[in-house]
All heavy atoms as atom14 arrays in JSON, in Angstrom:
{
  "sequence": "QQLRELTILRGRAWHVATRMPSALPPGEWRGPAHDAYT",
  "atom14_mask": [
    [1, 1, 1, 1, 1, 1, 1, 1, 1, 0, 0, 0, 0, 0],
    [1, 1, 1, 1, 1, 1, 1, 1, 1, 0, 0, 0, 0, 0],
    [1, 1, 1, 1, 1, 1, 1, 1, 0, 0, 0, 0, 0, 0],
    [1, 1, 1, 1, 1, 1, 1, 1, 1, 1, 1, 0, 0, 0],
    [1, 1, 1, 1, 1, 1, 1, 1, 1, 0, 0, 0, 0, 0],
    [1, 1, 1, 1, 1, 1, 1, 1, 0, 0, 0, 0, 0, 0],
    [1, 1, 1, 1, 1, 1, 1, 0, 0, 0, 0, 0, 0, 0],
    [1, 1, 1, 1, 1, 1, 1, 1, 0, 0, 0, 0, 0, 0],
    [1, 1, 1, 1, 1, 1, 1, 1, 0, 0, 0, 0, 0, 0],
    [1, 1, 1, 1, 1, 1, 1, 1, 1, 1, 1, 0, 0, 0],
    [1, 1, 1, 1, 0, 0, 0, 0, 0, 0, 0, 0, 0, 0],
    [1, 1, 1, 1, 1, 1, 1, 1, 1, 1, 1, 0, 0, 0],
    [1, 1, 1, 1, 1, 0, 0, 0, 0, 0, 0, 0, 0, 0],
    [1, 1, 1, 1, 1, 1, 1, 1, 1, 1, 1, 1, 1, 1],
    [1, 1, 1, 1, 1, 1, 1, 1, 1, 1, 0, 0, 0, 0],
    [1, 1, 1, 1, 1, 1, 1, 0, 0, 0, 0, 0, 0, 0],
    [1, 1, 1, 1, 1, 0, 0, 0, 0, 0, 0, 0, 0, 0],
    [1, 1, 1, 1, 1, 1, 1, 0, 0, 0, 0, 0, 0, 0],
    [1, 1, 1, 1, 1, 1, 1, 1, 1, 1, 1, 0, 0, 0],
    [1, 1, 1, 1, 1, 1, 1, 1, 0, 0, 0, 0, 0, 0],
    [1, 1, 1, 1, 1, 1, 1, 0, 0, 0, 0, 0, 0, 0],
    [1, 1, 1, 1, 1, 1, 0, 0, 0, 0, 0, 0, 0, 0],
    [1, 1, 1, 1, 1, 0, 0, 0, 0, 0, 0, 0, 0, 0],
    [1, 1, 1, 1, 1, 1, 1, 1, 0, 0, 0, 0, 0, 0],
    [1, 1, 1, 1, 1, 1, 1, 0, 0, 0, 0, 0, 0, 0],
    [1, 1, 1, 1, 1, 1, 1, 0, 0, 0, 0, 0, 0, 0],
    [1, 1, 1, 1, 0, 0, 0, 0, 0, 0, 0, 0, 0, 0],
    [1, 1, 1, 1, 1, 1, 1, 1, 1, 0, 0, 0, 0, 0],
    [1, 1, 1, 1, 1, 1, 1, 1, 1, 1, 1, 1, 1, 1],
    [1, 1, 1, 1, 1, 1, 1, 1, 1, 1, 1, 0, 0, 0],
    [1, 1, 1, 1, 0, 0, 0, 0, 0, 0, 0, 0, 0, 0],
    [1, 1, 1, 1, 1, 1, 1, 0, 0, 0, 0, 0, 0, 0],
    [1, 1, 1, 1, 1, 0, 0, 0, 0, 0, 0, 0, 0, 0],
    [1, 1, 1, 1, 1, 1, 1, 1, 1, 1, 0, 0, 0, 0],
    [1, 1, 1, 1, 1, 1, 1, 1, 0, 0, 0, 0, 0, 0],
    [1, 1, 1, 1, 1, 0, 0, 0, 0, 0, 0, 0, 0, 0],
    [1, 1, 1, 1, 1, 1, 1, 1, 1, 1, 1, 1, 0, 0],
    [1, 1, 1, 1, 1, 1, 1, 0, 0, 0, 0, 0, 0, 0]
  ],
  "atom14_positions": [
    [[-9.38, -4.53, -26.3], [-10.19, -4.06, -25.17], [-9.58, -4.54, -23.85], [-9.47, -3.77, -22.89], [-11.62, -4.58, -25.29], [-12.51, -4.14, -24.14], [-13.93, -4.7, -24.28], [-14.29, -5.27, -25.29], [-14.7, -4.54, -23.24], [0.0, 0.0, 0.0], [0.0, 0.0, 0.0], [0.0, 0.0, 0.0], [0.0, 0.0, 0.0], [0.0, 0.0, 0.0]],
    [[-9.16, -5.78, -23.81], [-8.52, -6.31, -22.61], [-7.25, -5.53, -22.29], [-6.99, -5.21, -21.12], [-8.18, -7.79, -22.81], [-7.4, -8.4, -21.66], [-7.14, -9.87, -21.9], [-8.06, -10.65, -21.97], [-5.87, -10.23, -22.04], [0.0, 0.0, 0.0], [0.0, 0.0, 0.0], [0.0, 0.0, 0.0], [0.0, 0.0, 0.0], [0.0, 0.0, 0.0]],
    [[-6.47, -5.22, -23.29], [-5.24, -4.46, -23.1], [-5.54, -3.08, -22.51], [-4.86, -2.64, -21.59], [-4.47, -4.33, -24.41], [-3.2, -3.49, -24.38], [-2.2, -4.06, -23.37], [-2.59, -3.43, -25.77], [0.0, 0.0, 0.0], [0.0, 0.0, 0.0], [0.0, 0.0, 0.0], [0.0, 0.0, 0.0], [0.0, 0.0, 0.0], [0.0, 0.0, 0.0]],
    [[-6.56, -2.41, -23.02], [-6.93, -1.09, -22.47], [-7.31, -1.21, -21.0], [-6.89, -0.4, -20.17], [-8.09, -0.49, -23.28], [-7.68, 0.07, -24.62], [-8.81, 0.86, -25.28], [-10.01, 0.07, -25.52], [-10.23, -0.66, -26.61], [-9.33, -0.71, -27.56], [-11.36, -1.33, -26.75], [0.0, 0.0, 0.0], [0.0, 0.0, 0.0], [0.0, 0.0, 0.0]],
    [[-8.1, -2.22, -20.67], [-8.54, -2.4, -19.28], [-7.36, -2.77, -18.37], [-7.25, -2.28, -17.25], [-9.65, -3.44, -19.21], [-10.94, -2.95, -19.87], [-11.99, -4.03, -20.05], [-11.77, -5.17, -19.62], [-13.04, -3.71, -20.65], [0.0, 0.0, 0.0], [0.0, 0.0, 0.0], [0.0, 0.0, 0.0], [0.0, 0.0, 0.0], [0.0, 0.0, 0.0]],
    [[-6.48, -3.63, -18.86], [-5.3, -4.0, -18.07], [-4.4, -2.8, -17.85], [-3.82, -2.64, -16.77], [-4.51, -5.12, -18.77], [-5.11, -6.51, -18.68], [-4.39, -7.45, -19.65], [-5.06, -7.05, -17.26], [0.0, 0.0, 0.0], [0.0, 0.0, 0.0], [0.0, 0.0, 0.0], [0.0, 0.0, 0.0], [0.0, 0.0, 0.0], [0.0, 0.0, 0.0]],
    [[-4.29, -1.94, -18.84], [-3.46, -0.75, -18.71], [-4.01, 0.17, -17.63], [-3.25, 0.73, -16.83], [-3.36, -0.02, -20.07], [-2.79, -0.92, -21.03], [-2.53, 1.23, -19.97], [0.0, 0.0, 0.0], [0.0, 0.0, 0.0], [0.0, 0.0, 0.0], [0.0, 0.0, 0.0], [0.0, 0.0, 0.0], [0.0, 0.0, 0.0], [0.0, 0.0, 0.0]],
    [[-5.33, 0.31, -17.58], [-5.96, 1.13, -16.53], [-5.69, 0.52, -15.16], [-5.27, 1.21, -14.22], [-7.47, 1.27, -16.78], [-7.71, 2.14, -18.02], [-8.18, 1.85, -15.56], [-9.14, 2.1, -18.53], [0.0, 0.0, 0.0], [0.0, 0.0, 0.0], [0.0, 0.0, 0.0], [0.0, 0.0, 0.0], [0.0, 0.0, 0.0], [0.0, 0.0, 0.0]],
    [[-5.92, -0.78, -15.02], [-5.7, -1.45, -13.74], [-4.23, -1.39, -13.33], [-3.91, -1.17, -12.16], [-6.14, -2.91, -13.82], [-7.64, -3.15, -13.88], [-7.93, -4.63, -14.12], [-8.3, -2.68, -12.59], [0.0, 0.0, 0.0], [0.0, 0.0, 0.0], [0.0, 0.0, 0.0], [0.0, 0.0, 0.0], [0.0, 0.0, 0.0], [0.0, 0.0, 0.0]],
    [[-3.35, -1.57, -14.29], [-1.91, -1.51, -14.01], [-1.53, -0.13, -13.48], [-0.8, 0.0, -12.5], [-1.14, -1.83, -15.29], [0.36, -1.83, -15.12], [1.04, -2.16, -16.41], [0.72, -1.17, -17.41], [1.16, -1.18, -18.65], [1.9, -2.16, -19.07], [0.85, -0.23, -19.49], [0.0, 0.0, 0.0], [0.0, 0.0, 0.0], [0.0, 0.0, 0.0]],
    [[-2.06, 0.92, -14.1], [-1.79, 2.28, -13.63], [-2.28, 2.5, -12.21], [-1.59, 3.12, -11.39], [0.0, 0.0, 0.0], [0.0, 0.0, 0.0], [0.0, 0.0, 0.0], [0.0, 0.0, 0.0], [0.0, 0.0, 0.0], [0.0, 0.0, 0.0], [0.0, 0.0, 0.0], [0.0, 0.0, 0.0], [0.0, 0.0, 0.0], [0.0, 0.0, 0.0]],
    [[-3.46, 1.98, -11.92], [-4.0, 2.13, -10.57], [-3.16, 1.36, -9.55], [-2.91, 1.85, -8.44], [-5.44, 1.65, -10.52], [-6.39, 2.58, -11.24], [-7.81, 2.07, -11.22], [-8.67, 2.98, -11.95], [-9.89, 2.67, -12.34], [-10.4, 1.49, -12.06], [-10.61, 3.55, -13.02], [0.0, 0.0, 0.0], [0.0, 0.0, 0.0], [0.0, 0.0, 0.0]],
    [[-2.74, 0.15, -9.91], [-1.93, -0.65, -8.99], [-0.6, 0.04, -8.7], [-0.16, 0.11, -7.55], [-1.7, -2.05, -9.55], [0.0, 0.0, 0.0], [0.0, 0.0, 0.0], [0.0, 0.0, 0.0], [0.0, 0.0, 0.0], [0.0, 0.0, 0.0], [0.0, 0.0, 0.0], [0.0, 0.0, 0.0], [0.0, 0.0, 0.0], [0.0, 0.0, 0.0]],
    [[0.06, 0.56, -9.73], [1.33, 1.26, -9.51], [1.13, 2.55, -8.73], [1.97, 2.94, -7.92], [2.07, 1.51, -10.82], [2.76, 0.28, -11.3], [2.47, -0.45, -12.42], [3.85, -0.4, -10.67], [3.3, -1.53, -12.5], [4.16, -1.53, -11.45], [4.58, -0.17, -9.5], [5.18, -2.42, -11.12], [5.6, -1.06, -9.18], [5.89, -2.15, -9.98]],
    [[-0.01, 3.21, -8.95], [-0.33, 4.42, -8.19], [-0.42, 4.07, -6.7], [0.16, 4.77, -5.86], [-1.65, 5.01, -8.69], [-2.11, 6.2, -7.92], [-1.6, 7.46, -8.14], [-3.0, 6.33, -6.92], [-2.18, 8.31, -7.31], [-3.04, 7.65, -6.56], [0.0, 0.0, 0.0], [0.0, 0.0, 0.0], [0.0, 0.0, 0.0], [0.0, 0.0, 0.0]],
    [[-1.12, 3.0, -6.38], [-1.25, 2.57, -4.99], [0.12, 2.14, -4.44], [0.49, 2.5, -3.31], [-2.26, 1.41, -4.86], [-2.21, 0.78, -3.47], [-3.67, 1.92, -5.15], [0.0, 0.0, 0.0], [0.0, 0.0, 0.0], [0.0, 0.0, 0.0], [0.0, 0.0, 0.0], [0.0, 0.0, 0.0], [0.0, 0.0, 0.0], [0.0, 0.0, 0.0]],
    [[0.88, 1.41, -5.25], [2.18, 0.91, -4.79], [3.13, 2.04, -4.42], [3.93, 1.89, -3.5], [2.81, 0.01, -5.85], [0.0, 0.0, 0.0], [0.0, 0.0, 0.0], [0.0, 0.0, 0.0], [0.0, 0.0, 0.0], [0.0, 0.0, 0.0], [0.0, 0.0, 0.0], [0.0, 0.0, 0.0], [0.0, 0.0, 0.0], [0.0, 0.0, 0.0]],
    [[3.03, 3.14, -5.12], [3.95, 4.26, -4.85], [3.44, 5.18, -3.74], [4.15, 6.08, -3.32], [4.19, 5.1, -6.12], [2.95, 5.61, -6.6], [4.87, 4.27, -7.2], [0.0, 0.0, 0.0], [0.0, 0.0, 0.0], [0.0, 0.0, 0.0], [0.0, 0.0, 0.0], [0.0, 0.0, 0.0], [0.0, 0.0, 0.0], [0.0, 0.0, 0.0]],
    [[2.23, 4.93, -3.27], [1.65, 5.78, -2.23], [1.23, 4.99, -1.0], [0.34, 5.39, -0.27], [0.45, 6.55, -2.79], [0.91, 7.65, -3.72], [-0.22, 8.13, -4.61], [0.22, 9.18, -5.5], [0.91, 8.99, -6.61], [1.28, 7.8, -6.96], [1.25, 10.01, -7.38], [0.0, 0.0, 0.0], [0.0, 0.0, 0.0], [0.0, 0.0, 0.0]],
    [[1.9, 3.87, -0.79], [1.57, 3.02, 0.36], [1.94, 3.74, 1.66], [2.88, 4.53, 1.69], [2.33, 1.69, 0.29], [1.85, 0.78, -0.83], [0.14, 0.24, -0.68], [0.23, -0.7, 0.81], [0.0, 0.0, 0.0], [0.0, 0.0, 0.0], [0.0, 0.0, 0.0], [0.0, 0.0, 0.0], [0.0, 0.0, 0.0], [0.0, 0.0, 0.0]],
    [[1.19, 3.45, 2.71], [1.51, 4.09, 4.0], [2.9, 3.69, 4.49], [3.44, 2.66, 4.09], [0.44, 3.57, 4.95], [-0.29, 2.5, 4.24], [0.08, 2.55, 2.79], [0.0, 0.0, 0.0], [0.0, 0.0, 0.0], [0.0, 0.0, 0.0], [0.0, 0.0, 0.0], [0.0, 0.0, 0.0], [0.0, 0.0, 0.0], [0.0, 0.0, 0.0]],
    [[3.4, 4.49, 5.36], [4.71, 4.23, 5.93], [4.71, 2.91, 6.69], [3.72, 2.53, 7.3], [5.07, 5.36, 6.89], [6.21, 5.03, 7.63], [0.0, 0.0, 0.0], [0.0, 0.0, 0.0], [0.0, 0.0, 0.0], [0.0, 0.0, 0.0], [0.0, 0.0, 0.0], [0.0, 0.0, 0.0], [0.0, 0.0, 0.0], [0.0, 0.0, 0.0]],
    [[5.84, 2.22, 6.66], [5.96, 0.98, 7.41], [6.07, 1.24, 8.91], [6.02, 0.32, 9.71], [7.17, 0.19, 6.92], [0.0, 0.0, 0.0], [0.0, 0.0, 0.0], [0.0, 0.0, 0.0], [0.0, 0.0, 0.0], [0.0, 0.0, 0.0], [0.0, 0.0, 0.0], [0.0, 0.0, 0.0], [0.0, 0.0, 0.0], [0.0, 0.0, 0.0]],
    [[6.21, 2.5, 9.25], [6.31, 2.84, 10.67], [4.93, 3.12, 11.24], [4.21, 3.98, 10.76], [7.2, 4.07, 10.86], [8.65, 3.92, 10.4], [9.37, 5.26, 10.51], [9.36, 2.86, 11.19], [0.0, 0.0, 0.0], [0.0, 0.0, 0.0], [0.0, 0.0, 0.0], [0.0, 0.0, 0.0], [0.0, 0.0, 0.0], [0.0, 0.0, 0.0]],
    [[4.54, 2.39, 12.27], [3.24, 2.62, 12.89], [3.23, 3.93, 13.67], [4.28, 4.52, 13.91], [3.07, 1.42, 13.83], [4.45, 0.98, 14.12], [5.29, 1.32, 12.91], [0.0, 0.0, 0.0], [0.0, 0.0, 0.0], [0.0, 0.0, 0.0], [0.0, 0.0, 0.0], [0.0, 0.0, 0.0], [0.0, 0.0, 0.0], [0.0, 0.0, 0.0]],
    [[2.05, 4.37, 14.06], [1.99, 5.59, 14.88], [2.91, 5.46, 16.1], [3.08, 4.37, 16.66], [0.52, 5.65, 15.31], [-0.21, 4.89, 14.23], [0.74, 3.82, 13.78], [0.0, 0.0, 0.0], [0.0, 0.0, 0.0], [0.0, 0.0, 0.0], [0.0, 0.0, 0.0], [0.0, 0.0, 0.0], [0.0, 0.0, 0.0], [0.0, 0.0, 0.0]],
    [[3.51, 6.56, 16.49], [4.52, 6.57, 17.55], [4.09, 5.98, 18.87], [4.9, 5.4, 19.58], [0.0, 0.0, 0.0], [0.0, 0.0, 0.0], [0.0, 0.0, 0.0], [0.0, 0.0, 0.0], [0.0, 0.0, 0.0], [0.0, 0.0, 0.0], [0.0, 0.0, 0.0], [0.0, 0.0, 0.0], [0.0, 0.0, 0.0], [0.0, 0.0, 0.0]],
    [[2.81, 6.08, 19.19], [2.36, 5.57, 20.49], [2.14, 4.05, 20.49], [1.91, 3.47, 21.54], [1.07, 6.29, 20.94], [-0.15, 6.03, 20.09], [-0.27, 6.95, 18.87], [0.64, 7.75, 18.61], [-1.29, 6.84, 18.18], [0.0, 0.0, 0.0], [0.0, 0.0, 0.0], [0.0, 0.0, 0.0], [0.0, 0.0, 0.0], [0.0, 0.0, 0.0]],
    [[2.21, 3.43, 19.34], [2.01, 1.99, 19.28], [3.28, 1.28, 19.74], [4.38, 1.56, 19.27], [1.65, 1.56, 17.88], [0.29, 1.98, 17.44], [-0.45, 2.99, 17.94], [-0.48, 1.4, 16.4], [-1.64, 3.09, 17.27], [-1.69, 2.13, 16.32], [-0.27, 0.36, 15.52], [-2.68, 1.82, 15.4], [-1.26, 0.06, 14.6], [-2.45, 0.78, 14.55]],
    [[3.11, 0.31, 20.6], [4.25, -0.45, 21.14], [3.9, -1.94, 21.13], [2.74, -2.32, 20.99], [4.53, -0.04, 22.6], [4.85, 1.44, 22.79], [6.32, 1.71, 22.44], [6.63, 3.11, 22.7], [6.79, 4.01, 21.74], [6.68, 3.67, 20.49], [7.07, 5.25, 22.02], [0.0, 0.0, 0.0], [0.0, 0.0, 0.0], [0.0, 0.0, 0.0]],
    [[4.9, -2.75, 21.29], [4.71, -4.19, 21.46], [4.04, -4.87, 20.29], [4.36, -4.59, 19.13], [0.0, 0.0, 0.0], [0.0, 0.0, 0.0], [0.0, 0.0, 0.0], [0.0, 0.0, 0.0], [0.0, 0.0, 0.0], [0.0, 0.0, 0.0], [0.0, 0.0, 0.0], [0.0, 0.0, 0.0], [0.0, 0.0, 0.0], [0.0, 0.0, 0.0]],
    [[3.09, -5.77, 20.57], [2.45, -6.56, 19.51], [1.72, -5.71, 18.46], [1.72, -6.05, 17.28], [1.46, -7.45, 20.26], [1.97, -7.51, 21.66], [2.67, -6.2, 21.9], [0.0, 0.0, 0.0], [0.0, 0.0, 0.0], [0.0, 0.0, 0.0], [0.0, 0.0, 0.0], [0.0, 0.0, 0.0], [0.0, 0.0, 0.0], [0.0, 0.0, 0.0]],
    [[1.09, -4.61, 18.89], [0.39, -3.76, 17.93], [1.39, -3.16, 16.94], [1.13, -3.1, 15.73], [-0.36, -2.65, 18.66], [0.0, 0.0, 0.0], [0.0, 0.0, 0.0], [0.0, 0.0, 0.0], [0.0, 0.0, 0.0], [0.0, 0.0, 0.0], [0.0, 0.0, 0.0], [0.0, 0.0, 0.0], [0.0, 0.0, 0.0], [0.0, 0.0, 0.0]],
    [[2.52, -2.72, 17.43], [3.59, -2.16, 16.59], [4.07, -3.21, 15.6], [4.18, -2.95, 14.39], [4.73, -1.68, 17.49], [5.89, -1.12, 16.75], [6.86, -1.9, 16.17], [6.24, 0.18, 16.5], [7.76, -1.13, 15.59], [7.41, 0.13, 15.79], [0.0, 0.0, 0.0], [0.0, 0.0, 0.0], [0.0, 0.0, 0.0], [0.0, 0.0, 0.0]],
    [[4.35, -4.4, 16.1], [4.86, -5.49, 15.26], [3.83, -5.91, 14.21], [4.18, -6.13, 13.04], [5.25, -6.68, 16.11], [6.41, -6.37, 17.06], [7.12, -5.36, 16.83], [6.57, -7.12, 18.04], [0.0, 0.0, 0.0], [0.0, 0.0, 0.0], [0.0, 0.0, 0.0], [0.0, 0.0, 0.0], [0.0, 0.0, 0.0], [0.0, 0.0, 0.0]],
    [[2.57, -6.03, 14.62], [1.51, -6.44, 13.69], [1.34, -5.42, 12.58], [1.17, -5.78, 11.41], [0.2, -6.65, 14.45], [0.0, 0.0, 0.0], [0.0, 0.0, 0.0], [0.0, 0.0, 0.0], [0.0, 0.0, 0.0], [0.0, 0.0, 0.0], [0.0, 0.0, 0.0], [0.0, 0.0, 0.0], [0.0, 0.0, 0.0], [0.0, 0.0, 0.0]],
    [[1.37, -4.14, 12.91], [1.23, -3.08, 11.92], [2.37, -3.18, 10.9], [2.13, -3.13, 9.68], [1.25, -1.71, 12.59], [1.11, -0.56, 11.61], [-0.14, -0.06, 11.28], [2.24, 0.03, 11.03], [-0.27, 0.99, 10.39], [2.11, 1.08, 10.12], [0.85, 1.55, 9.81], [0.74, 2.58, 8.91], [0.0, 0.0, 0.0], [0.0, 0.0, 0.0]],
    [[3.58, -3.33, 11.38], [4.74, -3.41, 10.48], [4.62, -4.61, 9.54], [4.84, -4.48, 8.33], [6.03, -3.51, 11.31], [6.12, -2.35, 12.15], [7.26, -3.56, 10.42], [0.0, 0.0, 0.0], [0.0, 0.0, 0.0], [0.0, 0.0, 0.0], [0.0, 0.0, 0.0], [0.0, 0.0, 0.0], [0.0, 0.0, 0.0], [0.0, 0.0, 0.0]]
  ]
}
C-alpha cells in the first residue's frame, strides 16, 4: 500500500518538476524583483 501511494506521489512530483515556470521573470520586472523571482 505504501508503495502504491509513493508511486502516485512520485508521479505528481515529477509532473510538477517537468512543468515548472520559466526561470525568467516577466519582462517588465527589473532590479530586486527580477533577482528575487529568479
